[in-house]
Amino acid sequence: MSKILIVEDNPVINQMYRIKLEANGYNVTVATTGKEALELTKKLTPDLILLDIMMPEMNGDECLEILRRDKKFAETPVIVLTNMNNDAIVEKFETLGVDSFLLKSELTPKQVLEHVDKCLKGAKKEKKDD
């Protein structure tokens, strides 16, 4: 069972995605701040991270920069799930190696699940090819 860490400060949104992902066989943990995400990542070693950008204490980009510096998490698949949409933000996250940049307002939980499934299948395929 793949482990997913949802990093989202809005309780309604993180609950919605947690329920959808758990119903489809994923083991889900939720962090509501970037700092909490860093602590949980070290404890859980998630297979994939769903990451919001705007959060208290530490934004998603700061959190991801710290994670990417750790060799253990340098290749962990990350899907940015946000409502912020401008070229500079997308470009910044692409340089940090995100797998997808998704707009919450444009996707249903089912569509987010499809992105998660696709991303995890791609990550497993890459590991097999190594």
N, C-alpha and C. Protein backbone atom coordinates (compact mmCIF):
# COMPACT_ATOMS: atom_id res chain seq x y z
N MET A 1 0.84 -1.17 0.00
CA MET A 1 0.00 0.00 0.00
C MET A 1 0.89 1.25 0.00
N SER A 2 0.71 2.10 -0.98
CA SER A 2 1.51 3.32 -1.09
C SER A 2 1.12 4.32 -0.02
N LYS A 3 2.15 5.03 0.49
CA LYS A 3 1.94 6.04 1.52
C LYS A 3 1.96 7.42 0.88
N ILE A 4 0.92 8.20 1.19
CA ILE A 4 0.80 9.54 0.65
C ILE A 4 0.73 10.54 1.80
N LEU A 5 1.48 11.61 1.67
CA LEU A 5 1.42 12.71 2.63
C LEU A 5 0.73 13.88 1.95
N ILE A 6 -0.39 14.30 2.53
CA ILE A 6 -1.10 15.49 2.05
C ILE A 6 -0.65 16.65 2.93
N VAL A 7 -0.15 17.70 2.30
CA VAL A 7 0.28 18.89 3.03
C VAL A 7 -0.66 20.03 2.62
N GLU A 8 -1.62 20.29 3.47
CA GLU A 8 -2.70 21.23 3.16
C GLU A 8 -3.25 21.78 4.47
N ASP A 9 -3.33 23.10 4.60
CA ASP A 9 -3.79 23.72 5.85
C ASP A 9 -5.30 23.84 5.95
N ASN A 10 -6.02 23.68 4.86
CA ASN A 10 -7.49 23.78 4.90
C ASN A 10 -8.06 22.40 5.28
N PRO A 11 -8.71 22.31 6.45
CA PRO A 11 -9.19 21.00 6.92
C PRO A 11 -10.24 20.35 6.02
N VAL A 12 -11.06 21.15 5.38
CA VAL A 12 -12.08 20.60 4.48
C VAL A 12 -11.40 19.96 3.26
N ILE A 13 -10.43 20.65 2.71
CA ILE A 13 -9.74 20.14 1.52
C ILE A 13 -8.90 18.91 1.86
N ASN A 14 -8.13 18.97 2.95
CA ASN A 14 -7.29 17.81 3.25
C ASN A 14 -8.14 16.59 3.59
N GLN A 15 -9.29 16.80 4.24
CA GLN A 15 -10.20 15.69 4.56
C GLN A 15 -10.80 15.09 3.28
N MET A 16 -11.17 15.95 2.34
CA MET A 16 -11.77 15.50 1.09
C MET A 16 -10.80 14.60 0.32
N TYR A 17 -9.54 15.03 0.20
CA TYR A 17 -8.57 14.23 -0.53
C TYR A 17 -8.17 12.98 0.25
N ARG A 18 -8.07 13.11 1.57
CA ARG A 18 -7.73 11.94 2.38
C ARG A 18 -8.77 10.84 2.21
N ILE A 19 -10.04 11.21 2.28
CA ILE A 19 -11.12 10.22 2.14
C ILE A 19 -11.07 9.56 0.76
N LYS A 20 -10.90 10.35 -0.29
CA LYS A 20 -10.86 9.81 -1.65
C LYS A 20 -9.69 8.85 -1.84
N LEU A 21 -8.52 9.25 -1.35
CA LEU A 21 -7.33 8.42 -1.52
C LEU A 21 -7.40 7.15 -0.68
N GLU A 22 -7.87 7.25 0.56
CA GLU A 22 -8.00 6.06 1.40
C GLU A 22 -9.02 5.08 0.84
N ALA A 23 -10.09 5.61 0.27
CA ALA A 23 -11.11 4.75 -0.33
C ALA A 23 -10.56 3.97 -1.53
N ASN A 24 -9.44 4.44 -2.06
CA ASN A 24 -8.83 3.78 -3.21
C ASN A 24 -7.53 3.06 -2.85
N GLY A 25 -7.39 2.74 -1.56
CA GLY A 25 -6.32 1.86 -1.13
C GLY A 25 -5.02 2.51 -0.69
N TYR A 26 -4.99 3.82 -0.59
CA TYR A 26 -3.76 4.50 -0.17
C TYR A 26 -3.74 4.70 1.35
N ASN A 27 -2.55 4.66 1.91
CA ASN A 27 -2.33 4.97 3.32
C ASN A 27 -2.00 6.46 3.37
N VAL A 28 -2.87 7.26 3.99
CA VAL A 28 -2.76 8.72 3.91
C VAL A 28 -2.50 9.34 5.28
N THR A 29 -1.57 10.28 5.31
CA THR A 29 -1.29 11.09 6.48
C THR A 29 -1.41 12.54 6.06
N VAL A 30 -1.88 13.38 6.97
CA VAL A 30 -2.08 14.80 6.66
C VAL A 30 -1.19 15.66 7.54
N ALA A 31 -0.56 16.65 6.93
CA ALA A 31 0.18 17.70 7.63
C ALA A 31 -0.48 19.02 7.28
N THR A 32 -0.56 19.93 8.25
CA THR A 32 -1.21 21.21 7.98
C THR A 32 -0.24 22.38 7.85
N THR A 33 1.05 22.11 8.03
CA THR A 33 2.07 23.13 7.84
C THR A 33 3.28 22.50 7.17
N GLY A 34 4.12 23.34 6.59
CA GLY A 34 5.35 22.84 5.98
C GLY A 34 6.27 22.21 7.01
N LYS A 35 6.36 22.81 8.19
CA LYS A 35 7.22 22.26 9.24
C LYS A 35 6.75 20.87 9.67
N GLU A 36 5.45 20.73 9.84
CA GLU A 36 4.90 19.42 10.20
C GLU A 36 5.16 18.41 9.08
N ALA A 37 5.07 18.85 7.84
CA ALA A 37 5.34 17.97 6.70
C ALA A 37 6.77 17.45 6.73
N LEU A 38 7.72 18.31 7.06
CA LEU A 38 9.12 17.89 7.12
C LEU A 38 9.32 16.82 8.20
N GLU A 39 8.71 17.02 9.35
CA GLU A 39 8.81 16.04 10.44
C GLU A 39 8.18 14.71 10.04
N LEU A 40 6.98 14.77 9.47
CA LEU A 40 6.28 13.54 9.08
C LEU A 40 6.98 12.81 7.94
N THR A 41 7.56 13.56 7.03
CA THR A 41 8.26 12.93 5.90
C THR A 41 9.38 12.04 6.41
N LYS A 42 10.12 12.52 7.39
CA LYS A 42 11.23 11.73 7.94
C LYS A 42 10.73 10.49 8.67
N LYS A 43 9.59 10.59 9.32
CA LYS A 43 9.03 9.45 10.06
C LYS A 43 8.40 8.42 9.12
N LEU A 44 7.71 8.91 8.10
CA LEU A 44 6.87 8.04 7.25
C LEU A 44 7.52 7.59 5.96
N THR A 45 8.44 8.37 5.42
CA THR A 45 9.00 8.16 4.09
C THR A 45 7.87 7.89 3.08
N PRO A 46 7.09 8.94 2.77
CA PRO A 46 5.96 8.76 1.86
C PRO A 46 6.41 8.41 0.44
N ASP A 47 5.53 7.72 -0.26
CA ASP A 47 5.78 7.38 -1.66
C ASP A 47 5.44 8.56 -2.58
N LEU A 48 4.60 9.47 -2.07
CA LEU A 48 4.18 10.63 -2.85
C LEU A 48 3.71 11.71 -1.88
N ILE A 49 3.94 12.97 -2.27
CA ILE A 49 3.49 14.10 -1.46
C ILE A 49 2.58 14.98 -2.30
N LEU A 50 1.40 15.29 -1.76
CA LEU A 50 0.51 16.30 -2.34
C LEU A 50 0.76 17.57 -1.56
N LEU A 51 1.20 18.63 -2.20
CA LEU A 51 1.71 19.81 -1.51
C LEU A 51 0.99 21.08 -1.92
N ASP A 52 0.42 21.75 -0.93
CA ASP A 52 -0.15 23.08 -1.14
C ASP A 52 0.98 24.10 -1.10
N ILE A 53 0.75 25.30 -1.60
CA ILE A 53 1.79 26.33 -1.58
C ILE A 53 1.63 27.26 -0.38
N MET A 54 0.47 27.86 -0.23
CA MET A 54 0.25 28.85 0.82
C MET A 54 -0.19 28.16 2.11
N MET A 55 0.72 28.21 3.10
CA MET A 55 0.43 27.59 4.40
C MET A 55 1.07 28.42 5.50
N PRO A 56 0.59 28.26 6.74
CA PRO A 56 1.22 28.97 7.85
C PRO A 56 2.60 28.36 8.17
N GLU A 57 3.43 29.13 8.81
CA GLU A 57 4.76 28.74 9.27
C GLU A 57 5.78 28.59 8.15
N MET A 58 5.45 27.84 7.11
CA MET A 58 6.39 27.59 6.02
C MET A 58 5.60 27.27 4.76
N ASN A 59 5.85 28.01 3.70
CA ASN A 59 5.16 27.77 2.44
C ASN A 59 5.65 26.49 1.78
N GLY A 60 4.88 26.03 0.80
CA GLY A 60 5.21 24.80 0.10
C GLY A 60 6.54 24.82 -0.61
N ASP A 61 6.91 25.97 -1.19
CA ASP A 61 8.19 26.03 -1.89
C ASP A 61 9.36 25.90 -0.92
N GLU A 62 9.26 26.53 0.25
CA GLU A 62 10.32 26.40 1.26
C GLU A 62 10.43 24.95 1.73
N CYS A 63 9.29 24.34 1.98
CA CYS A 63 9.25 22.94 2.42
C CYS A 63 9.90 22.04 1.37
N LEU A 64 9.54 22.23 0.12
CA LEU A 64 10.07 21.39 -0.94
C LEU A 64 11.57 21.60 -1.14
N GLU A 65 12.03 22.83 -1.03
CA GLU A 65 13.48 23.10 -1.15
C GLU A 65 14.26 22.32 -0.10
N ILE A 66 13.75 22.30 1.13
CA ILE A 66 14.42 21.56 2.21
C ILE A 66 14.38 20.06 1.94
N LEU A 67 13.23 19.56 1.52
CA LEU A 67 13.11 18.12 1.22
C LEU A 67 14.06 17.71 0.11
N ARG A 68 14.17 18.50 -0.93
CA ARG A 68 15.00 18.14 -2.08
C ARG A 68 16.48 18.12 -1.74
N ARG A 69 16.89 18.84 -0.70
CA ARG A 69 18.30 18.83 -0.28
C ARG A 69 18.68 17.51 0.40
N ASP A 70 17.69 16.78 0.89
CA ASP A 70 17.92 15.49 1.54
C ASP A 70 17.91 14.40 0.47
N LYS A 71 19.02 13.70 0.29
CA LYS A 71 19.12 12.68 -0.75
C LYS A 71 17.99 11.65 -0.67
N LYS A 72 17.54 11.36 0.53
CA LYS A 72 16.49 10.37 0.72
C LYS A 72 15.17 10.80 0.06
N PHE A 73 14.96 12.12 -0.06
CA PHE A 73 13.70 12.63 -0.61
C PHE A 73 13.88 13.41 -1.90
N ALA A 74 15.07 13.37 -2.46
CA ALA A 74 15.35 14.13 -3.67
C ALA A 74 14.50 13.68 -4.86
N GLU A 75 14.11 12.40 -4.86
CA GLU A 75 13.34 11.86 -5.98
C GLU A 75 11.90 11.51 -5.61
N THR A 76 11.47 11.83 -4.39
CA THR A 76 10.10 11.53 -3.99
C THR A 76 9.13 12.31 -4.89
N PRO A 77 8.17 11.62 -5.50
CA PRO A 77 7.21 12.32 -6.35
C PRO A 77 6.41 13.35 -5.54
N VAL A 78 6.26 14.54 -6.11
CA VAL A 78 5.51 15.62 -5.48
C VAL A 78 4.54 16.18 -6.50
N ILE A 79 3.29 16.29 -6.06
CA ILE A 79 2.26 16.94 -6.86
C ILE A 79 1.87 18.21 -6.11
N VAL A 80 2.06 19.35 -6.74
CA VAL A 80 1.63 20.61 -6.15
C VAL A 80 0.14 20.76 -6.44
N LEU A 81 -0.63 21.00 -5.39
CA LEU A 81 -2.07 21.13 -5.49
C LEU A 81 -2.43 22.49 -4.89
N THR A 82 -2.74 23.46 -5.73
CA THR A 82 -2.89 24.84 -5.29
C THR A 82 -3.96 25.56 -6.09
N ASN A 83 -4.26 26.77 -5.68
CA ASN A 83 -5.10 27.65 -6.49
C ASN A 83 -4.29 28.82 -7.02
N MET A 84 -2.99 28.81 -6.77
CA MET A 84 -2.11 29.86 -7.29
C MET A 84 -1.66 29.46 -8.69
N ASN A 85 -1.88 30.36 -9.63
CA ASN A 85 -1.54 30.01 -11.00
C ASN A 85 -0.90 31.20 -11.72
N ASN A 86 0.41 31.20 -11.73
CA ASN A 86 1.10 32.16 -12.58
C ASN A 86 2.40 31.51 -13.02
N ASP A 87 2.92 31.98 -14.13
CA ASP A 87 4.08 31.34 -14.75
C ASP A 87 5.29 31.27 -13.83
N ALA A 88 5.51 32.32 -13.05
CA ALA A 88 6.69 32.34 -12.17
C ALA A 88 6.60 31.25 -11.11
N ILE A 89 5.42 31.05 -10.56
CA ILE A 89 5.25 30.01 -9.53
C ILE A 89 5.42 28.63 -10.15
N VAL A 90 4.78 28.40 -11.27
CA VAL A 90 4.90 27.11 -11.95
C VAL A 90 6.36 26.83 -12.28
N GLU A 91 7.06 27.82 -12.82
CA GLU A 91 8.47 27.65 -13.18
C GLU A 91 9.33 27.34 -11.96
N LYS A 92 9.07 28.02 -10.85
CA LYS A 92 9.85 27.78 -9.63
C LYS A 92 9.69 26.34 -9.17
N PHE A 93 8.46 25.85 -9.16
CA PHE A 93 8.23 24.48 -8.71
C PHE A 93 8.77 23.45 -9.70
N GLU A 94 8.76 23.77 -10.97
CA GLU A 94 9.36 22.86 -11.95
C GLU A 94 10.85 22.72 -11.70
N THR A 95 11.52 23.81 -11.34
CA THR A 95 12.95 23.72 -11.04
C THR A 95 13.21 22.91 -9.79
N LEU A 96 12.21 22.80 -8.92
CA LEU A 96 12.33 21.98 -7.70
C LEU A 96 11.95 20.52 -7.96
N GLY A 97 11.60 20.21 -9.18
CA GLY A 97 11.35 18.83 -9.56
C GLY A 97 9.99 18.28 -9.19
N VAL A 98 8.94 19.09 -9.31
CA VAL A 98 7.61 18.55 -9.05
C VAL A 98 7.16 17.71 -10.24
N ASP A 99 6.33 16.74 -9.96
CA ASP A 99 5.85 15.85 -11.01
C ASP A 99 4.62 16.41 -11.72
N SER A 100 3.79 17.14 -10.98
CA SER A 100 2.61 17.77 -11.55
C SER A 100 2.31 19.05 -10.79
N PHE A 101 1.68 19.98 -11.47
CA PHE A 101 1.24 21.23 -10.87
C PHE A 101 -0.24 21.33 -11.18
N LEU A 102 -1.09 21.11 -10.18
CA LEU A 102 -2.53 21.03 -10.38
C LEU A 102 -3.26 22.17 -9.69
N LEU A 103 -4.31 22.65 -10.33
CA LEU A 103 -5.15 23.70 -9.74
C LEU A 103 -6.36 23.05 -9.08
N LYS A 104 -6.48 23.25 -7.78
CA LYS A 104 -7.58 22.65 -7.01
C LYS A 104 -8.94 23.02 -7.59
N SER A 105 -9.09 24.28 -7.97
CA SER A 105 -10.38 24.77 -8.43
C SER A 105 -10.81 24.16 -9.76
N GLU A 106 -9.89 23.53 -10.47
CA GLU A 106 -10.22 22.98 -11.79
C GLU A 106 -10.36 21.47 -11.80
N LEU A 107 -10.13 20.82 -10.65
CA LEU A 107 -10.14 19.35 -10.62
C LEU A 107 -11.04 18.80 -9.52
N THR A 108 -11.66 17.69 -9.81
CA THR A 108 -12.42 16.97 -8.79
C THR A 108 -11.46 16.05 -8.03
N PRO A 109 -11.87 15.59 -6.86
CA PRO A 109 -11.02 14.62 -6.16
C PRO A 109 -10.71 13.38 -7.01
N LYS A 110 -11.65 12.95 -7.82
CA LYS A 110 -11.42 11.80 -8.70
C LYS A 110 -10.29 12.09 -9.69
N GLN A 111 -10.26 13.29 -10.24
CA GLN A 111 -9.21 13.66 -11.18
C GLN A 111 -7.85 13.76 -10.47
N VAL A 112 -7.85 14.25 -9.25
CA VAL A 112 -6.60 14.29 -8.47
C VAL A 112 -6.13 12.86 -8.22
N LEU A 113 -7.04 11.96 -7.87
CA LEU A 113 -6.70 10.55 -7.68
C LEU A 113 -6.07 9.98 -8.95
N GLU A 114 -6.60 10.30 -10.10
CA GLU A 114 -6.03 9.82 -11.36
C GLU A 114 -4.60 10.30 -11.55
N HIS A 115 -4.32 11.54 -11.17
CA HIS A 115 -2.95 12.07 -11.26
C HIS A 115 -2.04 11.34 -10.28
N VAL A 116 -2.54 11.07 -9.09
CA VAL A 116 -1.75 10.35 -8.08
C VAL A 116 -1.41 8.95 -8.61
N ASP A 117 -2.43 8.24 -9.10
CA ASP A 117 -2.21 6.89 -9.64
C ASP A 117 -1.16 6.91 -10.75
N LYS A 118 -1.30 7.84 -11.68
CA LYS A 118 -0.37 7.95 -12.81
C LYS A 118 1.05 8.26 -12.33
N CYS A 119 1.15 9.17 -11.40
CA CYS A 119 2.46 9.56 -10.88
C CYS A 119 3.14 8.39 -10.17
N LEU A 120 2.40 7.66 -9.35
CA LEU A 120 2.98 6.53 -8.62
C LEU A 120 3.34 5.39 -9.56
N LYS A 121 2.55 5.16 -10.58
CA LYS A 121 2.89 4.11 -11.56
C LYS A 121 4.17 4.47 -12.29
N GLY A 122 4.33 5.77 -12.63
CA GLY A 122 5.55 6.22 -13.28
C GLY A 122 6.76 6.08 -12.38
N ALA A 123 6.60 6.37 -11.09
CA ALA A 123 7.70 6.25 -10.14
C ALA A 123 8.10 4.79 -9.96
N LYS A 124 7.13 3.89 -9.91
CA LYS A 124 7.44 2.46 -9.77
C LYS A 124 8.14 1.94 -11.01
N LYS A 125 7.71 2.41 -12.19
CA LYS A 125 8.33 1.98 -13.43
C LYS A 125 9.80 2.43 -13.46
N GLU A 126 10.06 3.66 -13.04
CA GLU A 126 11.44 4.16 -13.03
C GLU A 126 12.31 3.33 -12.10
N LYS A 127 11.79 2.93 -10.95
CA LYS A 127 12.56 2.12 -10.02
C LYS A 127 12.89 0.75 -10.61
N LYS A 128 11.94 0.19 -11.35
CA LYS A 128 12.17 -1.11 -11.99
C LYS A 128 13.26 -1.00 -13.06
N ASP A 129 13.24 0.12 -13.78
CA ASP A 129 14.20 0.31 -14.87
C ASP A 129 15.62 0.55 -14.38
N ASP A 130 15.77 0.96 -13.13
CA ASP A 130 17.12 1.24 -12.59
C ASP A 130 17.95 0.03 -12.40
